[in-house]
């Protein structure tokens, strides 16, 4: 199983230079992927912008949005942004997409929250046609650079029937929400793998778990989780309790996720301290 790490682009107060140093350190310590999260109504760094910067600071490590709220974006602009990052990185981008669960993000983007799922298929169709150089939005000419490998892998987030259907039709795999326990995840993984097998394909399965190591870990884990999930206090409390806080807990989680069939586990820091990269690497590699 591969192990990636989340860039702390949603930790409040993060300095941009530290995100660049984080990317360099993650590559140096052997992580498979640098991932970003996405919100609109939150003081996070925009995920594709961060990945573009990370692309310039690294050479090998994979880059991924996990996940980007596609229905809040103009699909043609999103296609151009993603293709640009893919070219800048030499073909290292994976586009994790989700519909989002917070209505304020839809309001801020002047989009309809209640039709976001139905619009997702249209967004993905536009992305794929744009990357192939086909006509989109009435333009007679290509609107994006061509992706390095002709396409950009899409990973679908979400646990609704519609999300699984979109993954089966459009995606290279599926990613779970943060902090879902391995035993809870297993039936979802089995469903996705079965769906993909029926299509004659293998699914790439990802999961994400939050962690914090060293120092005043209990206070640090609570601050980020409650900031980021402020609209869902009960969920934030449970997620805070599930945050991994010791090397032993990290190793146990890694083994448990691998056992249920996860192909790549993304560890998400709840603290924007660069030493977290080194501490995590020491714990799991």
Protein backbone atom coordinates (compact mmCIF):
# COMPACT_ATOMS: atom_id res chain seq x y z
CA UNK A 1 0.00 0.00 0.00
CA UNK A 2 1.24 3.47 -0.89
CA UNK A 3 1.32 6.23 1.72
CA UNK A 4 0.71 9.87 0.85
CA UNK A 5 0.46 13.02 2.93
CA UNK A 6 -1.92 15.96 2.90
CA UNK A 7 -0.51 19.42 2.44
CA UNK A 8 -1.83 21.53 5.35
CA UNK A 9 -3.54 23.98 2.99
CA UNK A 10 -6.55 24.24 5.30
CA UNK A 11 -4.70 24.76 8.59
CA UNK A 12 -5.51 28.33 9.59
CA UNK A 13 -2.48 30.62 9.69
CA UNK A 14 -0.28 28.56 7.37
CA UNK A 15 2.38 30.57 5.57
CA UNK A 16 2.72 29.94 1.84
CA UNK A 17 6.47 29.32 2.04
CA UNK A 18 5.89 26.50 4.51
CA UNK A 19 3.62 24.71 2.03
CA UNK A 20 6.50 24.70 -0.47
CA UNK A 21 8.92 23.37 2.15
CA UNK A 22 6.33 20.74 3.12
CA UNK A 23 6.15 19.54 -0.48
CA UNK A 24 9.93 19.25 -0.73
CA UNK A 25 10.16 17.40 2.58
CA UNK A 26 7.36 14.98 1.64
CA UNK A 27 9.16 14.03 -1.56
CA UNK A 28 12.50 13.67 0.25
CA UNK A 29 10.93 11.36 2.84
CA UNK A 30 9.44 9.03 0.23
CA UNK A 31 5.71 9.76 0.35
CA UNK A 32 3.79 8.72 -2.75
CA UNK A 33 1.42 11.67 -3.08
CA UNK A 34 0.87 15.26 -1.97
CA UNK A 35 -2.85 15.90 -1.54
CA UNK A 36 -4.96 19.00 -0.92
CA UNK A 37 -8.48 19.61 0.38
CA UNK A 38 -10.99 22.17 -0.86
CA UNK A 39 -13.39 24.67 0.66
CA UNK A 40 -14.69 28.02 -0.55
CA UNK A 41 -16.05 29.54 2.66
CA UNK A 42 -12.91 28.93 4.73
CA UNK A 43 -9.47 30.62 4.80
CA UNK A 44 -7.70 27.70 3.13
CA UNK A 45 -5.34 27.95 0.17
CA UNK A 46 -6.94 27.10 -3.18
CA UNK A 47 -5.99 23.46 -3.89
CA UNK A 48 -4.88 23.59 -7.53
CA UNK A 49 -2.85 26.75 -6.92
CA UNK A 50 -1.04 24.97 -4.09
CA UNK A 51 -0.40 21.94 -6.28
CA UNK A 52 0.97 24.15 -9.06
CA UNK A 53 3.46 25.58 -6.57
CA UNK A 54 4.27 22.09 -5.30
CA UNK A 55 4.83 20.92 -8.87
CA UNK A 56 7.58 23.50 -9.29
CA UNK A 57 9.24 22.48 -6.03
CA UNK A 58 9.26 18.71 -6.65
CA UNK A 59 10.09 16.23 -9.40
CA UNK A 60 8.60 12.81 -8.63
CA UNK A 61 5.86 12.86 -6.01
CA UNK A 62 2.24 12.53 -7.15
CA UNK A 63 -0.15 15.47 -6.81
CA UNK A 64 -3.83 15.10 -5.97
CA UNK A 65 -6.92 17.06 -4.96
CA UNK A 66 -8.67 15.02 -2.28
CA UNK A 67 -11.23 16.25 -3.05
CA UNK A 68 -12.00 19.35 -5.11
CA UNK A 69 -15.61 20.60 -5.04
CA UNK A 70 -16.24 20.37 -8.77
CA UNK A 71 -19.86 21.66 -8.86
CA UNK A 72 -18.73 25.00 -7.38
CA UNK A 73 -16.36 25.59 -10.33
CA UNK A 74 -16.74 26.75 -13.90
CA UNK A 75 -16.02 23.45 -15.68
CA UNK A 76 -14.09 24.98 -18.60
CA UNK A 77 -11.87 26.97 -16.25
CA UNK A 78 -11.39 23.87 -14.08
CA UNK A 79 -10.36 21.88 -17.15
CA UNK A 80 -7.79 24.56 -18.03
CA UNK A 81 -6.45 24.78 -14.46
CA UNK A 82 -6.11 21.01 -14.10
CA UNK A 83 -4.44 20.59 -17.49
CA UNK A 84 -2.03 23.40 -16.64
CA UNK A 85 -1.02 21.76 -13.35
CA UNK A 86 -0.67 18.42 -15.10
CA UNK A 87 1.68 19.92 -17.69
CA UNK A 88 3.66 21.88 -15.09
CA UNK A 89 4.16 18.70 -13.07
CA UNK A 90 5.05 16.45 -15.99
CA UNK A 91 1.84 14.43 -15.76
CA UNK A 92 1.71 13.89 -12.00
CA UNK A 93 -1.82 15.17 -11.29
CA UNK A 94 -4.75 13.09 -10.10
CA UNK A 95 -8.03 14.97 -9.83
CA UNK A 96 -10.09 13.84 -6.86
CA UNK A 97 -13.61 15.26 -7.18
CA UNK A 98 -16.60 15.50 -4.86
CA UNK A 99 -19.90 17.35 -4.70
CA UNK A 100 -19.39 18.81 -1.21
CA UNK A 101 -21.73 18.79 1.78
CA UNK A 102 -21.79 22.43 2.88
CA UNK A 103 -24.39 24.71 1.36
CA UNK A 104 -22.39 27.87 2.09
CA UNK A 105 -19.81 26.84 -0.51
CA UNK A 106 -22.55 26.65 -3.13
CA UNK A 107 -23.98 30.01 -2.10
CA UNK A 108 -20.54 31.62 -2.33
CA UNK A 109 -20.01 30.21 -5.84
CA UNK A 110 -23.52 31.21 -6.99
CA UNK A 111 -24.39 27.58 -7.76
CA UNK A 112 -27.39 25.47 -6.80
CA UNK A 113 -26.56 23.25 -3.82
CA UNK A 114 -29.50 20.92 -4.48
CA UNK A 115 -28.50 20.07 -8.06
CA UNK A 116 -24.78 19.64 -7.41
CA UNK A 117 -24.89 15.86 -7.82
CA UNK A 118 -26.77 15.99 -11.10
CA UNK A 119 -24.38 18.61 -12.44
CA UNK A 120 -21.28 16.58 -11.58
CA UNK A 121 -21.61 14.29 -14.60
CA UNK A 122 -21.78 17.31 -16.88
CA UNK A 123 -18.67 18.78 -15.27
CA UNK A 124 -16.71 15.57 -15.82
CA UNK A 125 -17.92 15.28 -19.40
CA UNK A 126 -16.72 18.84 -20.07
CA UNK A 127 -13.33 18.11 -18.48
CA UNK A 128 -12.77 15.04 -20.61
CA UNK A 129 -13.87 16.69 -23.86
CA UNK A 130 -11.73 19.74 -23.17
CA UNK A 131 -8.66 17.61 -22.47
CA UNK A 132 -9.21 15.75 -25.75
CA UNK A 133 -9.24 19.06 -27.60
CA UNK A 134 -12.91 18.76 -28.53
CA UNK A 135 -15.32 21.65 -28.83
CA UNK A 136 -16.69 22.85 -25.50
CA UNK A 137 -18.71 25.91 -24.55
CA UNK A 138 -19.21 26.75 -28.22
CA UNK A 139 -15.52 27.28 -28.87
CA UNK A 140 -14.25 26.01 -32.25
CA UNK A 141 -10.73 25.66 -30.82
CA UNK A 142 -9.17 23.68 -27.95
CA UNK A 143 -9.51 25.49 -24.63
CA UNK A 144 -6.80 23.75 -22.58
CA UNK A 145 -3.26 22.47 -22.99
CA UNK A 146 -3.27 18.73 -23.66
CA UNK A 147 -2.59 16.68 -20.51
CA UNK A 148 0.81 14.98 -20.58
CA UNK A 149 -0.68 11.49 -20.90
CA UNK A 150 -3.73 12.51 -22.92
CA UNK A 151 -6.02 12.42 -19.88
CA UNK A 152 -5.94 13.16 -16.15
CA UNK A 153 -7.03 10.38 -13.77
CA UNK A 154 -10.21 11.22 -11.88
CA UNK A 155 -10.92 9.75 -8.45
CA UNK A 156 -14.47 10.11 -7.15
CA UNK A 157 -15.41 10.94 -3.59
CA UNK A 158 -18.76 10.45 -1.86
CA UNK A 159 -20.69 7.53 -0.40
CA UNK A 160 -24.13 7.93 -1.98
CA UNK A 161 -25.48 5.56 -4.62
CA UNK A 162 -25.08 8.35 -7.16
CA UNK A 163 -21.43 8.86 -6.17
CA UNK A 164 -20.68 5.17 -6.64
CA UNK A 165 -22.42 5.26 -10.02
CA UNK A 166 -20.32 8.25 -11.07
CA UNK A 167 -17.16 6.46 -9.96
CA UNK A 168 -18.11 3.41 -11.99
CA UNK A 169 -18.84 5.45 -15.12
CA UNK A 170 -16.26 8.21 -15.02
CA UNK A 171 -13.44 7.53 -12.59
CA UNK A 172 -10.24 5.56 -12.12
CA UNK A 173 -11.15 4.87 -8.51
CA UNK A 174 -12.76 6.07 -5.31
CA UNK A 175 -11.66 7.96 -2.19
CA UNK A 176 -13.33 7.86 1.19
CA UNK A 177 -14.05 10.73 3.53
CA UNK A 178 -11.61 11.58 6.30
CA UNK A 179 -11.37 9.37 9.35
CA UNK A 180 -13.66 6.54 8.25
CA UNK A 181 -12.65 3.45 10.20
CA UNK A 182 -11.30 0.52 8.14
CA UNK A 183 -14.08 -1.84 9.20
CA UNK A 184 -16.69 0.73 8.16
CA UNK A 185 -14.89 1.29 4.87
CA UNK A 186 -14.68 -2.34 3.81
CA UNK A 187 -18.22 -2.76 2.38
CA UNK A 188 -17.78 0.43 0.35
CA UNK A 189 -14.46 -0.84 -1.00
CA UNK A 190 -16.02 -4.20 -1.88
CA UNK A 191 -18.84 -2.42 -3.71
CA UNK A 192 -16.46 -0.23 -5.74
CA UNK A 193 -14.21 -3.13 -6.67
CA UNK A 194 -17.18 -5.22 -7.75
CA UNK A 195 -18.57 -2.34 -9.83
CA UNK A 196 -15.24 -1.86 -11.56
CA UNK A 197 -14.74 -5.59 -12.16
CA UNK A 198 -18.10 -5.66 -13.93
CA UNK A 199 -16.70 -2.95 -16.22
CA UNK A 200 -13.49 -4.93 -16.76
CA UNK A 201 -11.35 -2.49 -14.78
CA UNK A 202 -9.42 -2.33 -11.51
CA UNK A 203 -10.30 0.46 -9.08
CA UNK A 204 -7.76 2.60 -7.26
CA UNK A 205 -8.95 2.92 -3.64
CA UNK A 206 -7.83 5.72 -1.33
CA UNK A 207 -8.57 6.60 2.28
CA UNK A 208 -7.54 9.46 4.55
CA UNK A 209 -6.77 9.60 8.27
CA UNK A 210 -5.86 12.61 10.39
CA UNK A 211 -2.80 12.56 12.64
CA UNK A 212 -0.65 14.70 14.92
CA UNK A 213 2.62 13.72 16.58
CA UNK A 214 4.73 15.17 19.38
CA UNK A 215 4.26 18.11 21.71
CA UNK A 216 0.81 19.13 22.88
CA UNK A 217 -0.93 16.66 20.56
CA UNK A 218 -4.35 16.62 22.20
CA UNK A 219 -4.84 20.38 21.96
CA UNK A 220 -3.40 20.54 18.45
CA UNK A 221 -5.66 17.86 17.00
CA UNK A 222 -8.80 19.46 18.43
CA UNK A 223 -8.07 22.97 17.15
CA UNK A 224 -7.81 22.12 13.45
CA UNK A 225 -10.65 19.60 13.33
CA UNK A 226 -13.10 21.89 15.11
CA UNK A 227 -12.06 24.85 12.94
CA UNK A 228 -12.47 22.97 9.67
CA UNK A 229 -15.66 21.11 10.56
CA UNK A 230 -17.24 23.97 12.50
CA UNK A 231 -20.62 23.47 10.83
CA UNK A 232 -20.83 19.86 12.07
CA UNK A 233 -19.79 19.93 15.75
CA UNK A 234 -20.82 16.35 16.56
CA UNK A 235 -18.89 15.01 13.57
CA UNK A 236 -15.91 17.21 14.47
CA UNK A 237 -15.84 15.80 17.99
CA UNK A 238 -15.88 12.20 16.72
CA UNK A 239 -13.23 12.94 14.10
CA UNK A 240 -11.05 14.60 16.71
CA UNK A 241 -11.29 11.47 18.84
CA UNK A 242 -10.21 9.33 15.86
CA UNK A 243 -7.14 11.46 15.11
CA UNK A 244 -4.02 9.30 15.34
CA UNK A 245 -1.61 10.58 17.99
CA UNK A 246 1.22 8.07 18.37
CA UNK A 247 3.60 6.14 16.12
CA UNK A 248 1.97 2.91 17.28
CA UNK A 249 -1.50 4.16 16.35
CA UNK A 250 -0.24 5.22 12.93
CA UNK A 251 1.32 1.84 12.22
CA UNK A 252 -1.80 0.01 13.38
CA UNK A 253 -3.99 2.21 11.18
CA UNK A 254 -1.74 1.65 8.18
CA UNK A 255 -1.97 -2.13 8.62
CA UNK A 256 -5.74 -2.02 9.14
CA UNK A 257 -6.43 0.05 6.03
CA UNK A 258 -4.16 -2.16 3.96
CA UNK A 259 -5.97 -5.26 5.22
CA UNK A 260 -9.38 -4.04 3.99
CA UNK A 261 -8.03 -3.28 0.51
CA UNK A 262 -6.95 0.37 0.49
CA UNK A 263 -4.35 1.02 -2.22
CA UNK A 264 -3.15 4.37 -0.92
CA UNK A 265 -3.59 5.93 2.51
CA UNK A 266 -3.30 9.71 2.81
CA UNK A 267 -2.32 10.96 6.26
CA UNK A 268 -3.67 14.44 6.99
CA UNK A 269 -1.85 16.65 9.51
CA UNK A 270 -3.87 18.62 12.03
CA UNK A 271 -0.88 20.84 12.71
CA UNK A 272 1.03 23.01 10.25
CA UNK A 273 4.45 22.19 11.69
CA UNK A 274 7.00 21.02 9.10
CA UNK A 275 8.43 18.47 11.53
CA UNK A 276 5.18 16.51 11.20
CA UNK A 277 6.43 15.22 7.83
CA UNK A 278 9.60 13.78 9.36
CA UNK A 279 7.80 12.36 12.41
CA UNK A 280 5.24 10.65 10.22
CA UNK A 281 7.93 9.17 7.98
CA UNK A 282 9.81 7.86 11.01
CA UNK A 283 6.64 6.24 12.31
CA UNK A 284 5.51 4.40 9.19
CA UNK A 285 8.50 3.78 6.91
